[in-house]
């Protein structure tokens, strides 16, 4: 999108389909960590369990969700988008109904598994992957618009839930969330009423270019040297941001900062992430994946460097701003990268692979940093080591794109 008029024209011409991507990402909020964590005290109180037990159940359910995504995510390549997205919605709604009724750790595990798999996993996967698959022109822009649904949920839902908890019980809020997701299902079919024709056009375009281009299967991607060079750079943002956010109390105490100051800096992170998604998509469409991939990690490397070197409170907003740049760009850039490098025929399976690996890494990062902190490694040393690691990962990404992209469709 080279101008505001072109951007607005793209929005107007594809409003219904873009709304599907945005709303799938927005309603996936009910299965995201930030939303479930709002009810942590109530859930622990209802089962009389501690932080450790709840955290263990949550981590196990998240890792089980990541494992199931390898199979269920690939089904998006073979199942009509309407049925796939509706199935994800029904799974999320069922888990939201079950959570307030869970009276054992087993039921709690099943409820959280359903929330994580249906929301954070399948709904996000369907929303983002469908944008990358069906848009060739404007792919980055479409992905960026859909992914704004995530920060929109993060911005709108927490204050709404905190205020609502003063008026109604926490169980009723989960049942209300389930009702909203169920109401979204018929709207989904209405918005996707032309999906059959859209998919037919995609198949026709693939058949027309079959002699010139090809798509990689997931097995071929796993054997591809480029994938292994890209992997550290793909995992670095989620791994490091999750680790530093999870250990924010220790970070703040080590730096001598006020917790309220660090918490206030989260709004800067969210705002910059949204800006990155909005402008990153058109930037991908204009400059291409190959030009941008080597640079998107550099703000994160600088963020970690400044965090390690900073003594004053300015380090908090500096870290949030720069980390937000990488996070915002990563959404449209990485999704477009999978489609551009490996094609769209098996995009669901490939994106599911990437999502599973990323979820596993973010589940492990709090524990990894926690062990290092217990061994006496300072937060400054961790931040500086992270800056070096991200810089090395950026170098590997540059090496991966040192030769021309393989032909794909």
Protein backbone atom coordinates (compact mmCIF):
# COMPACT_ATOMS: atom_id res chain seq x y z
CA UNK A 1 0.00 0.00 0.00
CA UNK A 2 1.96 3.00 -1.26
CA UNK A 3 -0.53 5.72 -0.21
CA UNK A 4 -3.29 6.36 2.26
CA UNK A 5 -5.87 6.28 -0.54
CA UNK A 6 -4.64 2.85 -1.66
CA UNK A 7 -4.69 1.61 1.93
CA UNK A 8 -8.25 2.83 2.49
CA UNK A 9 -9.29 1.36 -0.85
CA UNK A 10 -7.83 -1.99 0.17
CA UNK A 11 -9.80 -1.86 3.44
CA UNK A 12 -13.05 -0.96 1.70
CA UNK A 13 -12.66 -3.55 -1.05
CA UNK A 14 -11.92 -6.41 1.35
CA UNK A 15 -13.79 -5.30 4.46
CA UNK A 16 -15.71 -8.51 5.17
CA UNK A 17 -12.77 -10.87 4.79
CA UNK A 18 -10.42 -8.58 6.74
CA UNK A 19 -13.05 -8.43 9.49
CA UNK A 20 -12.92 -12.23 9.74
CA UNK A 21 -9.18 -12.16 10.37
CA UNK A 22 -9.44 -9.34 12.89
CA UNK A 23 -12.37 -10.87 14.81
CA UNK A 24 -10.81 -14.34 14.95
CA UNK A 25 -7.70 -12.79 16.50
CA UNK A 26 -9.77 -10.61 18.84
CA UNK A 27 -11.97 -13.42 20.16
CA UNK A 28 -8.89 -15.61 20.57
CA UNK A 29 -8.21 -13.32 23.56
CA UNK A 30 -10.39 -15.59 25.72
CA UNK A 31 -7.71 -18.26 25.34
CA UNK A 32 -4.70 -15.97 25.76
CA UNK A 33 -2.57 -15.84 28.91
CA UNK A 34 -3.37 -12.21 29.72
CA UNK A 35 -7.12 -12.97 29.88
CA UNK A 36 -6.96 -16.24 31.82
CA UNK A 37 -4.49 -14.66 34.29
CA UNK A 38 -7.14 -12.08 35.24
CA UNK A 39 -9.04 -14.91 36.95
CA UNK A 40 -6.01 -16.59 38.52
CA UNK A 41 -6.97 -15.83 42.13
CA UNK A 42 -10.58 -16.98 41.63
CA UNK A 43 -9.53 -20.22 39.90
CA UNK A 44 -6.97 -21.05 42.59
CA UNK A 45 -9.46 -20.22 45.30
CA UNK A 46 -12.20 -22.41 43.86
CA UNK A 47 -9.88 -25.44 43.81
CA UNK A 48 -7.82 -24.48 46.89
CA UNK A 49 -4.51 -24.76 45.02
CA UNK A 50 -1.35 -22.68 45.11
CA UNK A 51 0.47 -20.66 42.49
CA UNK A 52 2.84 -23.53 41.75
CA UNK A 53 0.11 -26.08 41.11
CA UNK A 54 -1.88 -23.70 38.95
CA UNK A 55 1.25 -22.70 37.01
CA UNK A 56 2.19 -26.33 36.45
CA UNK A 57 -1.26 -27.26 35.15
CA UNK A 58 -1.23 -24.19 32.92
CA UNK A 59 2.20 -24.97 31.47
CA UNK A 60 1.32 -28.62 30.82
CA UNK A 61 -1.93 -27.64 29.10
CA UNK A 62 -0.11 -25.05 26.98
CA UNK A 63 2.51 -27.57 25.86
CA UNK A 64 -0.19 -30.15 25.09
CA UNK A 65 -1.94 -27.49 23.00
CA UNK A 66 1.28 -26.85 21.09
CA UNK A 67 1.67 -30.55 20.36
CA UNK A 68 -1.92 -30.87 19.12
CA UNK A 69 -1.45 -27.80 16.90
CA UNK A 70 1.02 -29.76 14.77
CA UNK A 71 -1.86 -31.98 13.64
CA UNK A 72 -4.91 -29.75 13.95
CA UNK A 73 -3.18 -26.73 12.42
CA UNK A 74 -2.37 -28.70 9.28
CA UNK A 75 -6.08 -29.49 8.77
CA UNK A 76 -6.60 -25.88 7.67
CA UNK A 77 -5.03 -26.90 4.34
CA UNK A 78 -7.82 -29.43 3.72
CA UNK A 79 -10.93 -28.16 5.52
CA UNK A 80 -13.14 -25.30 4.41
CA UNK A 81 -12.23 -22.15 6.34
CA UNK A 82 -15.81 -21.68 7.55
CA UNK A 83 -15.99 -25.11 9.17
CA UNK A 84 -12.47 -24.89 10.56
CA UNK A 85 -13.01 -21.49 12.19
CA UNK A 86 -16.43 -22.49 13.51
CA UNK A 87 -14.94 -25.64 15.05
CA UNK A 88 -12.27 -23.55 16.79
CA UNK A 89 -14.97 -21.23 18.13
CA UNK A 90 -17.03 -24.13 19.47
CA UNK A 91 -13.97 -25.60 21.20
CA UNK A 92 -13.16 -22.26 22.82
CA UNK A 93 -16.78 -21.72 23.91
CA UNK A 94 -17.01 -25.23 25.38
CA UNK A 95 -13.82 -24.69 27.37
CA UNK A 96 -15.10 -21.33 28.62
CA UNK A 97 -18.27 -23.06 29.85
CA UNK A 98 -16.25 -25.83 31.52
CA UNK A 99 -13.70 -23.69 33.38
CA UNK A 100 -16.09 -22.29 36.05
CA UNK A 101 -17.42 -25.82 36.63
CA UNK A 102 -14.01 -27.47 37.03
CA UNK A 103 -13.84 -29.12 40.46
CA UNK A 104 -10.66 -31.13 39.95
CA UNK A 105 -7.21 -30.65 38.50
CA UNK A 106 -8.12 -32.98 35.64
CA UNK A 107 -11.09 -30.83 34.60
CA UNK A 108 -9.00 -27.68 35.06
CA UNK A 109 -6.38 -29.14 32.72
CA UNK A 110 -9.04 -29.96 30.10
CA UNK A 111 -10.59 -26.49 30.37
CA UNK A 112 -7.27 -24.69 29.99
CA UNK A 113 -6.25 -27.02 27.17
CA UNK A 114 -9.46 -26.15 25.32
CA UNK A 115 -8.96 -22.43 25.92
CA UNK A 116 -5.34 -22.45 24.80
CA UNK A 117 -5.93 -24.74 21.80
CA UNK A 118 -9.19 -23.19 20.64
CA UNK A 119 -8.29 -19.55 21.25
CA UNK A 120 -4.56 -18.92 21.30
CA UNK A 121 -4.00 -21.82 18.89
CA UNK A 122 -6.66 -22.53 16.28
CA UNK A 123 -8.55 -19.22 16.09
CA UNK A 124 -5.38 -17.15 15.78
CA UNK A 125 -4.01 -19.69 13.29
CA UNK A 126 -7.15 -19.51 11.13
CA UNK A 127 -7.34 -15.72 11.22
CA UNK A 128 -3.73 -15.01 10.30
CA UNK A 129 -3.09 -17.92 7.93
CA UNK A 130 -6.22 -17.22 5.88
CA UNK A 131 -5.04 -13.65 5.29
CA UNK A 132 -1.64 -14.87 4.05
CA UNK A 133 -3.17 -17.61 1.90
CA UNK A 134 -5.86 -15.69 0.04
CA UNK A 135 -4.09 -12.34 -0.40
CA UNK A 136 -1.17 -12.25 -2.80
CA UNK A 137 -1.31 -8.54 -3.43
CA UNK A 138 -1.48 -6.79 -0.08
CA UNK A 139 -0.58 -9.93 1.90
CA UNK A 140 1.45 -8.10 4.53
CA UNK A 141 -1.20 -5.42 4.95
CA UNK A 142 -3.96 -8.01 5.41
CA UNK A 143 -1.98 -9.98 7.99
CA UNK A 144 -1.15 -6.80 9.90
CA UNK A 145 -4.83 -5.75 10.02
CA UNK A 146 -5.90 -9.18 11.28
CA UNK A 147 -3.23 -9.27 13.97
CA UNK A 148 -4.36 -5.94 15.41
CA UNK A 149 -7.14 -8.06 16.94
CA UNK A 150 -4.61 -9.29 19.51
CA UNK A 151 -3.56 -5.93 21.01
CA UNK A 152 -7.15 -4.73 20.70
CA UNK A 153 -8.19 -7.53 23.03
CA UNK A 154 -5.27 -6.81 25.36
CA UNK A 155 -6.26 -3.15 25.55
CA UNK A 156 -10.05 -3.49 25.88
CA UNK A 157 -10.74 -6.64 27.87
CA UNK A 158 -8.66 -6.29 31.08
CA UNK A 159 -10.25 -3.03 32.30
CA UNK A 160 -13.67 -4.35 31.29
CA UNK A 161 -13.15 -7.57 33.25
CA UNK A 162 -11.74 -5.81 36.34
CA UNK A 163 -14.76 -3.50 36.43
CA UNK A 164 -17.20 -6.35 35.80
CA UNK A 165 -15.78 -8.45 38.63
CA UNK A 166 -17.08 -5.81 41.02
CA UNK A 167 -20.62 -6.42 39.77
CA UNK A 168 -20.91 -10.13 38.90
CA UNK A 169 -19.22 -13.39 39.78
CA UNK A 170 -16.22 -14.61 37.81
CA UNK A 171 -18.13 -17.67 36.62
CA UNK A 172 -20.73 -15.49 34.91
CA UNK A 173 -18.01 -13.63 33.02
CA UNK A 174 -16.70 -16.88 31.54
CA UNK A 175 -20.21 -17.91 30.54
CA UNK A 176 -20.63 -14.49 28.95
CA UNK A 177 -17.40 -15.01 27.01
CA UNK A 178 -18.70 -18.36 25.78
CA UNK A 179 -21.96 -16.71 24.67
CA UNK A 180 -20.09 -14.04 22.70
CA UNK A 181 -18.00 -16.64 20.88
CA UNK A 182 -21.10 -18.70 20.06
CA UNK A 183 -22.84 -15.59 18.70
CA UNK A 184 -19.81 -14.94 16.52
CA UNK A 185 -20.24 -18.28 14.70
CA UNK A 186 -23.30 -17.28 12.59
CA UNK A 187 -21.66 -13.90 11.90
CA UNK A 188 -18.60 -15.82 10.70
CA UNK A 189 -20.63 -17.71 8.11
CA UNK A 190 -22.27 -14.47 6.99
CA UNK A 191 -18.92 -12.71 6.55
CA UNK A 192 -17.53 -15.73 4.67
CA UNK A 193 -20.53 -16.30 2.42
CA UNK A 194 -18.32 -15.97 -0.67
CA UNK A 195 -15.60 -18.31 0.65
CA UNK A 196 -16.32 -21.02 -1.92
CA UNK A 197 -15.63 -18.62 -4.79
CA UNK A 198 -12.55 -17.21 -3.05
CA UNK A 199 -11.06 -20.67 -2.61
CA UNK A 200 -11.87 -21.61 -6.23
CA UNK A 201 -9.95 -18.55 -7.43
CA UNK A 202 -6.97 -19.60 -5.31
CA UNK A 203 -7.00 -23.13 -6.73
CA UNK A 204 -7.24 -21.77 -10.27
CA UNK A 205 -4.27 -19.46 -9.68
CA UNK A 206 -2.23 -22.35 -8.26
CA UNK A 207 -3.06 -24.56 -11.23
CA UNK A 208 -2.13 -21.82 -13.67
CA UNK A 209 1.31 -21.32 -12.10
CA UNK A 210 1.99 -25.00 -11.37
CA UNK A 211 4.57 -25.29 -14.13
CA UNK A 212 6.57 -22.30 -12.88
CA UNK A 213 6.27 -22.45 -9.12
CA UNK A 214 5.88 -25.02 -6.39
CA UNK A 215 4.97 -25.13 -2.71
CA UNK A 216 6.97 -26.92 -0.04
CA UNK A 217 5.43 -29.58 2.19
CA UNK A 218 6.07 -29.43 5.92
CA UNK A 219 8.50 -32.35 5.65
CA UNK A 220 10.45 -30.46 2.97
CA UNK A 221 10.55 -27.35 5.15
CA UNK A 222 12.03 -29.36 8.02
CA UNK A 223 14.81 -30.56 5.71
CA UNK A 224 15.47 -27.11 4.26
CA UNK A 225 18.71 -25.41 5.35
CA UNK A 226 17.04 -22.01 5.20
CA UNK A 227 14.46 -23.02 7.84
CA UNK A 228 17.15 -23.98 10.34
CA UNK A 229 19.00 -20.72 9.76
CA UNK A 230 15.78 -18.77 10.34
CA UNK A 231 14.65 -20.67 13.44
CA UNK A 232 16.70 -18.81 16.12
CA UNK A 233 15.49 -15.48 14.76
CA UNK A 234 11.89 -16.69 14.70
CA UNK A 235 12.00 -17.82 18.33
CA UNK A 236 14.03 -14.98 19.83
CA UNK A 237 11.29 -12.28 20.21
CA UNK A 238 8.72 -14.49 21.95
CA UNK A 239 11.30 -16.31 24.07
CA UNK A 240 13.01 -13.18 25.40
CA UNK A 241 10.00 -10.88 25.78
CA UNK A 242 8.11 -13.62 27.66
CA UNK A 243 11.11 -14.26 29.93
CA UNK A 244 11.65 -10.61 30.85
CA UNK A 245 7.93 -9.95 31.33
CA UNK A 246 7.51 -13.08 33.47
CA UNK A 247 10.41 -12.05 35.74
CA UNK A 248 9.48 -8.37 35.79
CA UNK A 249 9.31 -8.21 39.61
CA UNK A 250 12.91 -9.42 39.89
CA UNK A 251 13.93 -7.11 37.05
CA UNK A 252 12.36 -4.07 38.73
CA UNK A 253 13.85 -4.91 42.13
CA UNK A 254 17.30 -5.45 40.60
CA UNK A 255 17.17 -2.09 38.84
CA UNK A 256 15.69 -0.21 41.79
CA UNK A 257 12.77 0.95 39.66
CA UNK A 258 9.16 1.49 40.72
CA UNK A 259 6.88 -1.36 39.64
CA UNK A 260 4.19 1.16 38.64
CA UNK A 261 6.69 2.82 36.28
CA UNK A 262 7.54 -0.46 34.59
CA UNK A 263 3.85 -1.41 34.39
CA UNK A 264 3.00 1.94 32.82
CA UNK A 265 5.62 1.26 30.14
CA UNK A 266 3.51 -1.69 28.93
CA UNK A 267 1.14 0.79 27.27
CA UNK A 268 4.07 2.04 25.19
CA UNK A 269 4.91 -1.53 24.19
CA UNK A 270 1.31 -2.19 23.14
CA UNK A 271 1.01 1.09 21.22
CA UNK A 272 4.26 0.58 19.32
CA UNK A 273 3.27 -3.02 18.54
CA UNK A 274 0.03 -1.83 16.96
CA UNK A 275 1.85 0.82 14.94
CA UNK A 276 4.31 -1.84 13.81
CA UNK A 277 1.49 -4.08 12.64
CA UNK A 278 -0.31 -1.24 10.84
CA UNK A 279 2.75 0.08 9.00
CA UNK A 280 4.73 -3.16 8.90
CA UNK A 281 2.21 -4.83 6.61
CA UNK A 282 2.37 -2.19 3.85
CA UNK A 283 6.15 -2.07 4.32
CA UNK A 284 6.34 -5.82 3.64
CA UNK A 285 4.21 -5.38 0.53
CA UNK A 286 6.41 -2.54 -0.72
CA UNK A 287 9.93 -3.77 0.09
CA UNK A 288 9.45 -7.52 0.28
CA UNK A 289 10.40 -10.16 2.82
CA UNK A 290 13.99 -10.60 1.68
CA UNK A 291 14.92 -6.95 2.27
CA UNK A 292 13.26 -6.67 5.69
CA UNK A 293 13.98 -9.99 7.41
CA UNK A 294 17.65 -9.27 8.26
CA UNK A 295 16.68 -6.03 10.07
CA UNK A 296 13.56 -6.77 12.10
CA UNK A 297 15.56 -8.26 15.01
CA UNK A 298 17.88 -5.28 15.43
CA UNK A 299 15.47 -3.21 17.59
CA UNK A 300 15.15 -6.17 19.98
CA UNK A 301 18.93 -6.54 20.17
CA UNK A 302 19.23 -2.83 20.99
CA UNK A 303 16.40 -3.14 23.54
CA UNK A 304 18.24 -5.91 25.40
CA UNK A 305 21.52 -3.97 25.21
CA UNK A 306 19.97 -0.83 26.71
CA UNK A 307 18.20 -2.89 29.38
CA UNK A 308 21.52 -4.42 30.42
CA UNK A 309 23.37 -1.11 30.48
CA UNK A 310 20.68 1.15 31.95
CA UNK A 311 20.72 2.23 35.57
CA UNK A 312 18.06 4.92 35.46
CA UNK A 313 14.33 4.42 34.96
CA UNK A 314 14.62 5.47 31.30
CA UNK A 315 15.65 1.88 30.58
CA UNK A 316 12.07 0.63 31.01
CA UNK A 317 10.38 2.70 28.26
CA UNK A 318 13.45 2.30 26.02
CA UNK A 319 13.21 -1.47 26.30
CA UNK A 320 9.44 -1.48 25.76
CA UNK A 321 9.57 0.82 22.75
CA UNK A 322 12.28 -1.10 20.91
CA UNK A 323 10.92 -4.54 21.81
CA UNK A 324 7.51 -3.35 20.61
CA UNK A 325 8.98 -2.44 17.22
CA UNK A 326 10.25 -5.97 16.67
CA UNK A 327 7.04 -7.54 18.01
CA UNK A 328 4.85 -5.39 15.78
CA UNK A 329 6.91 -6.03 12.66
CA UNK A 330 7.20 -9.76 13.37
CA UNK A 331 3.49 -10.43 12.90
CA UNK A 332 2.97 -9.43 9.25
CA UNK A 333 6.60 -10.03 8.27
CA UNK A 334 6.95 -13.63 9.46
CA UNK A 335 3.54 -14.72 8.20
CA UNK A 336 4.26 -13.22 4.78
CA UNK A 337 7.68 -14.86 4.89
CA UNK A 338 6.22 -18.39 5.20
CA UNK A 339 3.96 -17.78 2.21
CA UNK A 340 6.62 -16.10 0.07
CA UNK A 341 9.41 -18.57 0.78
CA UNK A 342 7.47 -21.85 0.98
CA UNK A 343 4.19 -21.20 -0.87
CA UNK A 344 0.56 -21.37 0.24
CA UNK A 345 -0.54 -24.91 -0.64
CA UNK A 346 0.70 -26.26 2.72
CA UNK A 347 0.70 -22.97 4.58
CA UNK A 348 -1.57 -24.24 7.35
CA UNK A 349 0.78 -27.11 8.18
CA UNK A 350 3.88 -24.90 8.01
CA UNK A 351 2.37 -22.13 10.15
CA UNK A 352 1.19 -24.76 12.65
CA UNK A 353 4.74 -26.07 12.89
CA UNK A 354 6.09 -22.57 13.51
CA UNK A 355 3.37 -21.81 16.07
CA UNK A 356 4.01 -25.04 17.97
CA UNK A 357 7.73 -24.43 18.19
CA UNK A 358 7.17 -20.85 19.32
CA UNK A 359 4.68 -21.89 22.01
CA UNK A 360 7.11 -24.49 23.33
CA UNK A 361 9.88 -21.90 23.47
CA UNK A 362 7.74 -19.35 25.34
CA UNK A 363 6.66 -22.06 27.78
CA UNK A 364 10.31 -22.88 28.51
CA UNK A 365 11.76 -19.37 28.71
CA UNK A 366 10.43 -18.41 32.20
CA UNK A 367 11.91 -21.61 33.64
CA UNK A 368 15.24 -21.15 31.84
CA UNK A 369 15.66 -17.58 33.07
CA UNK A 370 14.42 -18.59 36.51
CA UNK A 371 17.12 -21.25 36.90
CA UNK A 372 19.80 -18.82 35.76
CA UNK A 373 18.59 -16.19 38.24
CA UNK A 374 18.64 -18.78 41.05
CA UNK A 375 22.24 -19.60 40.07
CA UNK A 376 23.17 -15.97 40.66
CA UNK A 377 23.19 -14.61 37.10
CA UNK A 378 22.20 -10.95 37.24
CA UNK A 379 19.40 -9.49 35.15
CA UNK A 380 21.92 -7.16 33.50
CA UNK A 381 24.06 -10.12 32.43
CA UNK A 382 20.99 -11.90 31.07
CA UNK A 383 19.99 -8.81 29.09
CA UNK A 384 23.47 -8.33 27.62
CA UNK A 385 23.76 -12.02 26.74
CA UNK A 386 20.32 -11.77 25.11
CA UNK A 387 21.49 -8.81 23.01
CA UNK A 388 24.44 -10.84 21.72
CA UNK A 389 22.20 -13.85 21.02
CA UNK A 390 19.69 -11.74 19.07
CA UNK A 391 22.49 -10.16 17.04
CA UNK A 392 23.81 -13.61 16.16
CA UNK A 393 20.28 -14.73 15.21
CA UNK A 394 19.98 -11.68 12.94
CA UNK A 395 23.22 -12.75 11.29
CA UNK A 396 21.82 -16.22 10.61
CA UNK A 397 18.68 -14.66 9.10
CA UNK A 398 20.89 -12.56 6.82
CA UNK A 399 22.74 -15.70 5.77
CA UNK A 400 19.44 -17.47 5.07
CA UNK A 401 18.48 -14.76 2.57
CA UNK A 402 21.92 -14.40 1.03
CA UNK A 403 20.77 -16.42 -1.97
CA UNK A 404 17.58 -15.85 -4.05
CA UNK A 405 14.27 -17.11 -2.72
CA UNK A 406 13.20 -20.48 -4.13
CA UNK A 407 10.23 -20.39 -6.56
CA UNK A 408 6.92 -20.89 -4.75
CA UNK A 409 3.29 -20.32 -5.46
